[in-house]
């Protein structure tokens, strides 16, 4: 990489994108004029990646007309549906995904069997997955019917298949999982497979929740 015509040798070099000229492999690097922030209602069956070597449907297939560089933030396994935020703002993506910022991820869960109060408390206090205890969660049982438990679960982490594995550990496999909220951004009435830009109020609320300065 070259900065203002000079080869960069220090990793901790500071760059002012408004004043400095940055070249990588002879190509001038520029920032986009504006950043993009999207909410997508991911349908089941789509993998959360922009390309897949196995040829499976990806969320990129749902983003016709979206600027290049937008990537999904965090995890949703292929069978899980619901709210997915996508952006080309790397700092925001990092803060949403990293558990240290404690951004709520809220899920609607349908699990087999009847979740007991003791099991609910154990899920809230944290369970051990792969040798590491999950962070405290909030688990609200909404109702139980026809041998299924309907619950709302709020977590701060984003481990692979975390909610499913938590319930499986209690002996209640998840039969349906949908994410409805990330921080202050809600799924609302967004239809399956559709996306929208975050409006100014949502973006302000999200930046505030992430302790980021206003745009």
Protein backbone atom coordinates (compact mmCIF):
# COMPACT_ATOMS: atom_id res chain seq x y z
CA UNK A 1 0.00 0.00 0.00
CA UNK A 2 1.16 3.54 -0.77
CA UNK A 3 0.08 6.67 1.09
CA UNK A 4 0.54 9.98 -0.71
CA UNK A 5 3.09 8.33 -2.99
CA UNK A 6 5.11 6.71 -0.18
CA UNK A 7 5.16 2.98 0.61
CA UNK A 8 3.53 2.26 3.99
CA UNK A 9 5.70 0.15 6.31
CA UNK A 10 3.89 0.69 9.64
CA UNK A 11 0.66 -1.16 10.40
CA UNK A 12 -0.63 1.62 12.66
CA UNK A 13 -0.53 4.34 10.01
CA UNK A 14 -3.36 6.88 10.32
CA UNK A 15 -5.18 7.92 7.17
CA UNK A 16 -7.44 10.92 6.63
CA UNK A 17 -9.75 9.84 3.79
CA UNK A 18 -10.59 13.47 3.00
CA UNK A 19 -6.97 14.54 2.48
CA UNK A 20 -4.80 11.49 1.85
CA UNK A 21 -4.27 9.54 -1.38
CA UNK A 22 -4.24 5.77 -0.78
CA UNK A 23 -3.16 3.24 -3.40
CA UNK A 24 -3.37 -0.53 -3.20
CA UNK A 25 -1.65 -2.56 -5.93
CA UNK A 26 -1.55 0.59 -8.04
CA UNK A 27 -5.29 1.30 -7.69
CA UNK A 28 -6.54 4.37 -5.84
CA UNK A 29 -8.75 3.41 -2.91
CA UNK A 30 -11.80 5.61 -2.35
CA UNK A 31 -14.61 5.53 0.17
CA UNK A 32 -18.22 5.44 -0.98
CA UNK A 33 -19.93 8.83 -0.98
CA UNK A 34 -22.58 7.48 1.36
CA UNK A 35 -23.03 4.32 3.38
CA UNK A 36 -25.92 1.89 3.01
CA UNK A 37 -28.00 0.42 5.85
CA UNK A 38 -30.64 -2.21 5.08
CA UNK A 39 -33.11 -4.42 6.92
CA UNK A 40 -33.95 -7.72 5.20
CA UNK A 41 -36.59 -10.26 6.17
CA UNK A 42 -34.60 -13.40 5.38
CA UNK A 43 -36.72 -16.37 4.32
CA UNK A 44 -35.79 -19.88 5.47
CA UNK A 45 -33.51 -21.76 3.10
CA UNK A 46 -31.14 -18.88 2.36
CA UNK A 47 -27.58 -18.85 3.69
CA UNK A 48 -26.22 -15.64 5.18
CA UNK A 49 -23.36 -14.98 2.80
CA UNK A 50 -22.94 -13.07 -0.44
CA UNK A 51 -21.77 -16.15 -2.37
CA UNK A 52 -21.79 -19.89 -1.76
CA UNK A 53 -19.44 -22.46 -3.35
CA UNK A 54 -22.11 -25.13 -2.90
CA UNK A 55 -24.57 -23.20 -5.04
CA UNK A 56 -27.17 -22.72 -2.31
CA UNK A 57 -29.48 -19.67 -2.35
CA UNK A 58 -27.86 -16.72 -0.56
CA UNK A 59 -29.15 -13.42 0.77
CA UNK A 60 -27.34 -11.76 -2.15
CA UNK A 61 -30.01 -13.29 -4.41
CA UNK A 62 -32.59 -11.11 -2.66
CA UNK A 63 -30.72 -7.80 -3.01
CA UNK A 64 -31.30 -6.68 -6.58
CA UNK A 65 -30.35 -3.02 -6.95
CA UNK A 66 -28.31 -2.85 -3.74
CA UNK A 67 -24.87 -1.19 -4.02
CA UNK A 68 -21.82 -3.46 -4.09
CA UNK A 69 -19.99 -3.79 -0.79
CA UNK A 70 -23.03 -4.36 1.41
CA UNK A 71 -22.61 -7.44 3.61
CA UNK A 72 -24.78 -9.20 6.21
CA UNK A 73 -24.11 -8.49 9.88
CA UNK A 74 -23.95 -11.47 12.24
CA UNK A 75 -25.43 -14.93 11.90
CA UNK A 76 -28.74 -16.51 10.95
CA UNK A 77 -28.60 -20.18 10.02
CA UNK A 78 -30.24 -21.28 6.79
CA UNK A 79 -33.37 -22.62 8.51
CA UNK A 80 -33.91 -19.44 10.55
CA UNK A 81 -35.88 -16.54 9.15
CA UNK A 82 -36.35 -12.92 10.09
CA UNK A 83 -34.48 -9.67 10.52
CA UNK A 84 -31.00 -9.34 9.07
CA UNK A 85 -29.13 -6.04 8.90
CA UNK A 86 -26.80 -5.47 5.97
CA UNK A 87 -24.39 -2.56 5.56
CA UNK A 88 -21.10 -1.40 4.10
CA UNK A 89 -20.31 0.43 7.37
CA UNK A 90 -17.58 -1.79 8.83
CA UNK A 91 -17.50 -0.14 12.24
CA UNK A 92 -21.25 -0.49 12.74
CA UNK A 93 -21.17 -4.12 11.58
CA UNK A 94 -18.46 -4.88 14.12
CA UNK A 95 -20.35 -3.26 16.97
CA UNK A 96 -23.63 -5.01 16.19
CA UNK A 97 -21.97 -8.42 15.99
CA UNK A 98 -19.60 -8.14 18.96
CA UNK A 99 -21.17 -9.27 22.27
CA UNK A 100 -19.28 -6.62 24.28
CA UNK A 101 -21.70 -3.98 22.94
CA UNK A 102 -24.65 -6.01 24.34
CA UNK A 103 -27.03 -5.30 21.48
CA UNK A 104 -30.29 -7.22 21.94
CA UNK A 105 -31.19 -9.85 19.37
CA UNK A 106 -34.81 -10.92 19.86
CA UNK A 107 -36.25 -14.19 18.53
CA UNK A 108 -39.66 -15.81 18.32
CA UNK A 109 -39.17 -19.49 19.15
CA UNK A 110 -41.41 -22.51 18.72
CA UNK A 111 -39.94 -25.55 20.47
CA UNK A 112 -41.14 -29.12 20.94
CA UNK A 113 -42.62 -30.04 24.31
CA UNK A 114 -43.44 -27.94 27.34
CA UNK A 115 -40.59 -25.82 28.72
CA UNK A 116 -40.64 -26.02 32.51
CA UNK A 117 -39.99 -23.03 34.77
CA UNK A 118 -36.74 -24.62 35.92
CA UNK A 119 -35.61 -25.02 32.31
CA UNK A 120 -36.59 -21.44 31.51
CA UNK A 121 -34.51 -20.15 34.46
CA UNK A 122 -31.54 -22.29 33.40
CA UNK A 123 -31.68 -20.80 29.91
CA UNK A 124 -31.79 -17.30 31.36
CA UNK A 125 -28.85 -17.90 33.69
CA UNK A 126 -26.74 -19.40 30.89
CA UNK A 127 -25.94 -22.91 29.73
CA UNK A 128 -22.65 -24.46 28.68
CA UNK A 129 -22.13 -24.83 24.92
CA UNK A 130 -18.81 -26.28 23.75
CA UNK A 131 -17.23 -25.70 27.14
CA UNK A 132 -18.28 -22.05 27.48
CA UNK A 133 -21.32 -20.66 29.28
CA UNK A 134 -23.71 -18.46 27.36
CA UNK A 135 -24.30 -14.94 28.60
CA UNK A 136 -27.51 -14.27 30.57
CA UNK A 137 -30.60 -14.19 28.37
CA UNK A 138 -34.26 -13.26 28.73
CA UNK A 139 -36.76 -16.04 28.03
CA UNK A 140 -40.50 -15.32 28.09
CA UNK A 141 -42.88 -18.23 27.60
CA UNK A 142 -45.81 -16.83 25.64
CA UNK A 143 -47.97 -19.94 25.61
CA UNK A 144 -47.92 -23.72 25.37
CA UNK A 145 -50.22 -25.57 23.01
CA UNK A 146 -50.34 -28.95 21.27
CA UNK A 147 -47.06 -30.07 22.84
CA UNK A 148 -45.18 -26.98 21.67
CA UNK A 149 -43.77 -24.02 23.59
CA UNK A 150 -44.00 -20.54 22.08
CA UNK A 151 -41.40 -18.19 23.56
CA UNK A 152 -39.58 -14.91 23.04
CA UNK A 153 -35.83 -15.06 23.62
CA UNK A 154 -33.43 -12.13 23.90
CA UNK A 155 -29.67 -12.70 23.70
CA UNK A 156 -26.61 -10.48 23.25
CA UNK A 157 -24.33 -13.05 21.69
CA UNK A 158 -24.31 -14.50 18.21
CA UNK A 159 -22.78 -17.96 18.47
CA UNK A 160 -23.51 -20.43 15.68
CA UNK A 161 -27.06 -21.82 16.04
CA UNK A 162 -27.06 -20.52 19.63
CA UNK A 163 -30.79 -20.37 20.36
CA UNK A 164 -31.41 -23.75 18.74
CA UNK A 165 -28.58 -25.36 20.71
CA UNK A 166 -29.76 -23.82 24.00
CA UNK A 167 -33.22 -25.33 23.62
CA UNK A 168 -31.85 -28.65 22.36
CA UNK A 169 -29.79 -28.87 25.54
CA UNK A 170 -33.05 -28.65 27.53
CA UNK A 171 -34.55 -31.46 25.43
CA UNK A 172 -36.81 -29.15 23.39
CA UNK A 173 -35.72 -29.04 19.73
CA UNK A 174 -36.67 -25.82 17.95
CA UNK A 175 -39.19 -26.28 15.16
CA UNK A 176 -39.46 -22.61 14.13
CA UNK A 177 -37.16 -19.65 14.74
CA UNK A 178 -37.56 -16.05 13.60
CA UNK A 179 -35.53 -12.98 14.58
CA UNK A 180 -37.75 -9.95 15.09
CA UNK A 181 -35.43 -7.26 16.44
CA UNK A 182 -31.77 -6.18 16.45
CA UNK A 183 -31.19 -3.39 18.96
CA UNK A 184 -33.84 -0.73 18.27
CA UNK A 185 -34.49 -1.97 14.71
CA UNK A 186 -37.62 -4.13 14.41
CA UNK A 187 -38.81 -6.41 11.62
CA UNK A 188 -42.23 -4.74 11.66
CA UNK A 189 -44.36 -5.62 8.61
CA UNK A 190 -41.50 -6.32 6.22
CA UNK A 191 -42.54 -9.27 4.05
CA UNK A 192 -40.44 -12.40 3.69
CA UNK A 193 -37.70 -11.90 1.10
CA UNK A 194 -38.09 -8.11 1.01
CA UNK A 195 -35.69 -5.41 2.21
CA UNK A 196 -35.84 -1.72 3.04
CA UNK A 197 -33.42 1.07 3.86
CA UNK A 198 -33.25 2.05 7.52
CA UNK A 199 -34.89 5.44 7.90
CA UNK A 200 -33.18 8.36 9.63
CA UNK A 201 -34.87 7.73 12.98
CA UNK A 202 -33.92 4.03 13.01
CA UNK A 203 -30.34 4.83 12.05
CA UNK A 204 -30.04 7.47 14.78
CA UNK A 205 -31.43 5.05 17.36
CA UNK A 206 -29.07 2.29 16.23
CA UNK A 207 -26.01 4.55 16.30
CA UNK A 208 -27.01 5.74 19.77
CA UNK A 209 -27.44 2.14 21.02
CA UNK A 210 -23.99 1.32 19.66
CA UNK A 211 -22.42 4.43 21.23
CA UNK A 212 -21.49 5.78 17.79
CA UNK A 213 -21.48 9.49 16.96
CA UNK A 214 -24.27 10.85 14.74
CA UNK A 215 -23.59 10.89 11.03
